[in-house]
């Protein structure tokens, strides 16, 4: 069954630049930046302050500087941002470092030169976006460092800011994390609310039926995954999952239970990844990783991240 199902390429095999290009291809990057422009400048776009303070042909040169340490993210989308705010290409830019690199307070990470009105119009959106993305990248790097020396990968989730998912998923990659499914369209994750009330035997039947349905419909997916809440459910899934699911999500299990789950998989000889989820924090992730699981999904990479401080200086 596994060889028959159509597969989407794993975006984690892509470089950061190629991942950004894949996200652009869906059209969301341009649409989200247009929305950001419209919410700030209105429709049609207008910046009265900029028009009052600068001549139409006035130019200026500015530096984008970090005001605290962290990991930078979002520079790859500067050309997209400029294309939206400066459709006549009156702004030139140069990135002095690359996304994913560390920054220190006072570091100049990019320079912009061009029409003064257009630069001040895009300033706040640019700072908001890079600050948010760099905060996520920085927090992700902290979690990645905490599992260093283990085989566990740190994964993001769909707990992202509505409308900003493609940017936040990219930021996780900049911090060394792993992008989980982008949305509901590129992977199957059968959770407790999908199988509530079913017996283990019924769950097994449902898995097999779902797998055949995916093949019949020609679905192209990254993976098929199922969530289990206890070791009894895990044992049942391990009996039938070979060639059907690629990942089993172990929900809210403590490190002892996770270690037992890893042992059970070994005893069954099943080739399936085990992913821990729930209750993951800076204090718990190391012990979770030491249990031997392959992946640890952390919603807090995105929804608990604090934006880094950046400024635009002349």
Protein backbone atom coordinates (compact mmCIF):
# COMPACT_ATOMS: atom_id res chain seq x y z
CA UNK A 1 0.00 0.00 0.00
CA UNK A 2 2.78 2.45 0.90
CA UNK A 3 4.39 2.20 -2.55
CA UNK A 4 1.07 2.76 -4.31
CA UNK A 5 0.16 6.05 -2.65
CA UNK A 6 1.31 9.20 -4.40
CA UNK A 7 3.82 11.23 -2.41
CA UNK A 8 4.49 14.92 -2.14
CA UNK A 9 8.17 15.81 -1.75
CA UNK A 10 9.27 16.51 1.81
CA UNK A 11 9.78 20.30 2.10
CA UNK A 12 12.41 19.67 4.77
CA UNK A 13 14.68 18.29 2.05
CA UNK A 14 14.70 21.73 0.42
CA UNK A 15 17.17 24.52 1.12
CA UNK A 16 15.76 27.60 2.82
CA UNK A 17 15.69 29.47 -0.48
CA UNK A 18 13.93 26.62 -2.25
CA UNK A 19 11.46 26.27 0.61
CA UNK A 20 10.68 29.98 0.36
CA UNK A 21 10.17 29.58 -3.38
CA UNK A 22 7.77 26.70 -2.79
CA UNK A 23 5.78 28.84 -0.37
CA UNK A 24 5.67 31.67 -2.91
CA UNK A 25 4.37 29.30 -5.57
CA UNK A 26 1.11 28.87 -3.67
CA UNK A 27 0.39 32.59 -3.99
CA UNK A 28 -0.05 33.20 -0.28
CA UNK A 29 3.12 35.27 0.19
CA UNK A 30 2.01 37.94 -2.27
CA UNK A 31 -1.59 37.92 -1.03
CA UNK A 32 -0.56 38.24 2.61
CA UNK A 33 1.81 41.12 1.89
CA UNK A 34 -0.87 42.88 -0.13
CA UNK A 35 -3.24 42.49 2.81
CA UNK A 36 -0.59 43.87 5.16
CA UNK A 37 -0.17 46.88 2.86
CA UNK A 38 -3.91 47.47 2.61
CA UNK A 39 -4.52 47.26 6.37
CA UNK A 40 -1.83 49.89 6.93
CA UNK A 41 -2.29 52.19 3.93
CA UNK A 42 -5.91 51.63 2.97
CA UNK A 43 -7.39 51.16 -0.51
CA UNK A 44 -6.14 52.82 -2.62
CA UNK A 45 -2.87 52.93 -0.62
CA UNK A 46 -1.98 56.30 0.93
CA UNK A 47 0.59 57.47 3.49
CA UNK A 48 -0.31 61.06 4.27
CA UNK A 49 2.59 61.56 6.68
CA UNK A 50 5.14 60.42 4.11
CA UNK A 51 3.62 62.64 1.45
CA UNK A 52 3.77 65.67 3.77
CA UNK A 53 7.35 65.09 4.94
CA UNK A 54 9.10 64.01 1.72
CA UNK A 55 9.13 65.32 -1.84
CA UNK A 56 7.89 62.88 -4.45
CA UNK A 57 11.43 62.50 -5.87
CA UNK A 58 13.31 62.50 -2.55
CA UNK A 59 15.53 59.51 -1.77
CA UNK A 60 17.03 58.12 1.39
CA UNK A 61 19.33 55.31 2.50
CA UNK A 62 18.62 53.31 5.65
CA UNK A 63 20.03 50.32 7.56
CA UNK A 64 17.97 47.52 9.05
CA UNK A 65 19.60 46.81 12.40
CA UNK A 66 19.09 44.23 15.13
CA UNK A 67 18.61 45.55 18.64
CA UNK A 68 18.98 42.20 20.38
CA UNK A 69 20.62 38.84 19.81
CA UNK A 70 18.91 35.94 18.06
CA UNK A 71 18.46 34.14 14.75
CA UNK A 72 17.35 36.21 11.77
CA UNK A 73 14.47 35.19 9.52
CA UNK A 74 12.43 36.88 6.83
CA UNK A 75 15.11 38.52 4.71
CA UNK A 76 14.31 36.17 1.83
CA UNK A 77 10.93 37.88 1.50
CA UNK A 78 12.33 41.43 1.22
CA UNK A 79 12.00 41.44 -2.60
CA UNK A 80 8.37 40.30 -2.28
CA UNK A 81 7.67 43.07 0.22
CA UNK A 82 9.34 45.72 -1.93
CA UNK A 83 7.45 44.55 -5.01
CA UNK A 84 4.16 45.13 -3.19
CA UNK A 85 5.04 48.50 -1.65
CA UNK A 86 7.20 49.80 -4.50
CA UNK A 87 5.62 48.51 -7.73
CA UNK A 88 7.78 50.86 -9.80
CA UNK A 89 10.95 49.34 -8.31
CA UNK A 90 12.16 52.55 -6.71
CA UNK A 91 13.80 50.75 -3.78
CA UNK A 92 17.07 48.83 -3.91
CA UNK A 93 18.18 46.52 -1.11
CA UNK A 94 21.14 44.43 -0.02
CA UNK A 95 21.09 41.68 2.60
CA UNK A 96 24.34 41.52 4.56
CA UNK A 97 23.63 38.17 6.19
CA UNK A 98 21.42 35.19 5.39
CA UNK A 99 18.32 33.85 7.07
CA UNK A 100 19.16 31.35 9.79
CA UNK A 101 22.35 33.13 10.83
CA UNK A 102 22.92 34.52 14.35
CA UNK A 103 22.72 38.26 14.96
CA UNK A 104 23.97 40.49 17.76
CA UNK A 105 22.67 43.84 19.04
CA UNK A 106 23.69 46.58 16.63
CA UNK A 107 24.23 44.22 13.68
CA UNK A 108 23.28 45.72 10.33
CA UNK A 109 21.47 42.94 8.49
CA UNK A 110 20.30 44.79 5.37
CA UNK A 111 20.40 48.17 3.66
CA UNK A 112 17.70 49.89 1.63
CA UNK A 113 18.01 52.88 -0.69
CA UNK A 114 15.39 54.57 -2.82
CA UNK A 115 12.24 56.66 -2.79
CA UNK A 116 11.81 58.09 0.71
CA UNK A 117 8.02 57.93 0.70
CA UNK A 118 7.99 54.27 -0.26
CA UNK A 119 10.63 53.32 2.29
CA UNK A 120 8.75 54.87 5.21
CA UNK A 121 5.52 53.30 3.94
CA UNK A 122 6.91 49.76 4.04
CA UNK A 123 8.97 50.28 7.22
CA UNK A 124 6.47 49.08 9.82
CA UNK A 125 5.29 46.04 7.87
CA UNK A 126 8.89 45.02 7.20
CA UNK A 127 9.88 45.42 10.85
CA UNK A 128 6.79 43.59 12.09
CA UNK A 129 7.37 40.66 9.77
CA UNK A 130 11.10 40.24 10.36
CA UNK A 131 10.69 40.77 14.11
CA UNK A 132 8.00 38.09 14.31
CA UNK A 133 9.82 35.60 12.12
CA UNK A 134 13.15 36.13 13.84
CA UNK A 135 11.51 35.60 17.22
CA UNK A 136 10.17 32.23 16.04
CA UNK A 137 13.54 31.25 14.55
CA UNK A 138 15.28 32.19 17.79
CA UNK A 139 12.86 30.21 19.95
CA UNK A 140 13.12 27.21 17.63
CA UNK A 141 16.92 27.26 17.85
CA UNK A 142 16.64 27.12 21.66
CA UNK A 143 14.53 23.96 21.46
CA UNK A 144 16.77 22.40 18.81
CA UNK A 145 19.81 23.00 21.01
CA UNK A 146 18.05 21.34 23.96
CA UNK A 147 17.72 18.03 22.07
CA UNK A 148 21.28 18.12 20.73
CA UNK A 149 22.91 14.70 20.84
CA UNK A 150 19.64 12.82 20.42
CA UNK A 151 17.95 11.62 17.24
CA UNK A 152 14.78 13.64 17.86
CA UNK A 153 13.71 16.33 15.38
CA UNK A 154 11.85 19.41 16.62
CA UNK A 155 8.68 19.95 14.57
CA UNK A 156 6.22 22.81 14.30
CA UNK A 157 2.42 22.46 14.28
CA UNK A 158 -0.63 24.20 12.79
CA UNK A 159 -0.82 26.42 15.89
CA UNK A 160 0.19 29.43 13.87
CA UNK A 161 -1.09 33.00 13.59
CA UNK A 162 -4.04 32.97 11.16
CA UNK A 163 -2.84 34.34 7.83
CA UNK A 164 0.86 34.15 8.68
CA UNK A 165 1.42 30.40 8.52
CA UNK A 166 3.73 30.31 5.51
CA UNK A 167 6.01 32.90 7.10
CA UNK A 168 5.99 31.19 10.50
CA UNK A 169 6.66 27.75 9.01
CA UNK A 170 9.62 29.21 7.13
CA UNK A 171 10.90 30.82 10.34
CA UNK A 172 10.90 27.45 12.11
CA UNK A 173 13.15 26.08 9.38
CA UNK A 174 15.48 29.07 9.87
CA UNK A 175 15.86 28.04 13.51
CA UNK A 176 16.80 24.49 12.59
CA UNK A 177 13.36 23.00 13.16
CA UNK A 178 11.33 20.69 10.97
CA UNK A 179 8.23 21.76 9.09
CA UNK A 180 5.29 19.47 9.80
CA UNK A 181 2.37 19.45 7.37
CA UNK A 182 1.63 22.93 6.03
CA UNK A 183 -2.12 22.46 6.32
CA UNK A 184 -5.01 20.06 6.00
CA UNK A 185 -4.35 19.62 2.28
CA UNK A 186 -0.87 18.07 2.21
CA UNK A 187 -1.02 15.30 4.84
CA UNK A 188 -3.48 13.16 6.76
CA UNK A 189 -3.49 13.31 10.55
CA UNK A 190 -6.20 11.19 12.16
CA UNK A 191 -6.74 12.59 15.65
CA UNK A 192 -8.85 11.64 18.66
CA UNK A 193 -11.83 13.69 17.46
CA UNK A 194 -11.83 11.71 14.22
CA UNK A 195 -12.00 8.29 15.92
CA UNK A 196 -13.83 9.13 19.13
CA UNK A 197 -15.96 6.20 20.31
CA UNK A 198 -14.32 3.59 18.07
CA UNK A 199 -12.88 0.39 19.48
CA UNK A 200 -9.24 -0.47 18.67
CA UNK A 201 -10.48 -3.00 16.13
CA UNK A 202 -12.67 -0.37 14.47
CA UNK A 203 -9.74 2.04 14.40
CA UNK A 204 -7.67 -0.59 12.60
CA UNK A 205 -10.43 -1.14 10.05
CA UNK A 206 -10.78 2.62 9.55
CA UNK A 207 -7.04 2.95 8.90
CA UNK A 208 -7.07 0.28 6.24
CA UNK A 209 -10.17 1.77 4.61
CA UNK A 210 -8.66 5.26 4.64
CA UNK A 211 -5.46 4.02 3.03
CA UNK A 212 -7.34 2.39 0.15
CA UNK A 213 -9.48 5.51 -0.30
CA UNK A 214 -6.40 7.70 -0.64
CA UNK A 215 -5.03 5.43 -3.34
CA UNK A 216 -8.34 5.36 -5.21
CA UNK A 217 -8.59 9.17 -5.16
CA UNK A 218 -5.00 9.71 -6.22
CA UNK A 219 -4.27 11.89 -3.20
CA UNK A 220 -0.76 13.37 -3.16
CA UNK A 221 0.37 13.68 0.45
CA UNK A 222 3.53 14.05 2.47
CA UNK A 223 2.47 11.37 4.94
CA UNK A 224 -0.38 9.69 6.77
CA UNK A 225 -0.33 9.91 10.57
CA UNK A 226 -2.54 8.76 13.43
CA UNK A 227 -2.72 9.97 17.02
CA UNK A 228 -2.91 7.55 19.98
CA UNK A 229 -3.58 8.49 23.59
CA UNK A 230 -2.35 5.34 25.34
CA UNK A 231 -0.20 2.27 24.86
CA UNK A 232 -3.16 -0.03 24.26
CA UNK A 233 -4.14 2.06 21.24
CA UNK A 234 -0.52 2.05 20.12
CA UNK A 235 -0.33 -1.73 20.24
CA UNK A 236 -3.42 -2.00 18.06
CA UNK A 237 -2.10 0.52 15.52
CA UNK A 238 1.31 -1.16 15.38
CA UNK A 239 -0.44 -4.39 14.37
CA UNK A 240 -1.94 -2.85 11.24
CA UNK A 241 0.04 0.30 10.40
CA UNK A 242 2.85 -1.20 8.33
CA UNK A 243 2.61 0.25 4.84
CA UNK A 244 -0.32 2.46 5.85
CA UNK A 245 0.86 5.19 8.21
CA UNK A 246 4.31 6.76 8.33
CA UNK A 247 4.03 8.49 11.72
CA UNK A 248 2.27 7.70 14.99
CA UNK A 249 1.58 10.68 17.22
CA UNK A 250 1.95 9.87 20.93
CA UNK A 251 -0.27 12.41 22.65
CA UNK A 252 0.50 13.67 26.16
CA UNK A 253 2.59 10.70 27.23
CA UNK A 254 5.29 11.06 29.87
CA UNK A 255 8.90 10.07 29.12
CA UNK A 256 8.44 6.61 30.69
CA UNK A 257 5.44 5.88 28.46
CA UNK A 258 7.29 7.24 25.44
CA UNK A 259 10.25 4.98 26.12
CA UNK A 260 7.88 2.03 26.40
CA UNK A 261 6.30 3.03 23.08
CA UNK A 262 9.72 3.02 21.44
CA UNK A 263 10.36 -0.44 22.90
CA UNK A 264 7.02 -1.73 21.61
CA UNK A 265 7.80 -0.52 18.11
CA UNK A 266 11.13 -2.32 18.23
CA UNK A 267 9.50 -5.54 19.36
CA UNK A 268 6.97 -5.38 16.53
CA UNK A 269 9.66 -4.60 13.98
CA UNK A 270 7.48 -1.92 12.39
CA UNK A 271 9.07 0.85 10.32
CA UNK A 272 7.12 3.85 11.53
CA UNK A 273 8.18 7.13 13.08
CA UNK A 274 7.06 8.03 16.60
CA UNK A 275 6.23 11.64 17.38
CA UNK A 276 5.70 13.00 20.88
CA UNK A 277 3.27 15.85 21.39
CA UNK A 278 1.69 17.70 24.29
CA UNK A 279 3.21 19.30 27.37
CA UNK A 280 6.46 20.12 25.59
CA UNK A 281 8.44 22.98 27.09
CA UNK A 282 12.04 24.01 27.59
CA UNK A 283 11.99 22.05 30.85
CA UNK A 284 10.58 18.80 29.43
CA UNK A 285 11.86 18.48 25.87
CA UNK A 286 15.23 16.96 26.81
CA UNK A 287 13.72 14.10 28.77
CA UNK A 288 11.20 13.53 25.96
CA UNK A 289 13.99 13.36 23.40
CA UNK A 290 15.97 10.89 25.52
CA UNK A 291 13.02 8.47 25.41
CA UNK A 292 14.05 7.60 21.85
CA UNK A 293 11.18 9.16 19.88
CA UNK A 294 11.96 10.39 16.38
CA UNK A 295 10.04 13.66 16.40
CA UNK A 296 8.74 16.15 18.95
CA UNK A 297 6.04 18.60 17.86
CA UNK A 298 6.01 21.89 19.74
CA UNK A 299 3.12 24.31 19.23
CA UNK A 300 4.95 26.86 21.37
CA UNK A 301 7.56 27.40 18.67
CA UNK A 302 5.07 29.73 17.02
CA UNK A 303 2.28 30.65 19.42
CA UNK A 304 4.62 31.37 22.35
CA UNK A 305 7.39 33.14 20.45
CA UNK A 306 8.38 36.69 21.35
CA UNK A 307 9.26 39.05 18.53
CA UNK A 308 12.84 40.29 18.33
CA UNK A 309 13.51 44.01 18.24
CA UNK A 310 14.73 45.59 15.00
CA UNK A 311 14.98 49.18 13.86
CA UNK A 312 15.42 51.11 10.62
CA UNK A 313 18.15 53.74 11.00
CA UNK A 314 19.43 56.41 8.63
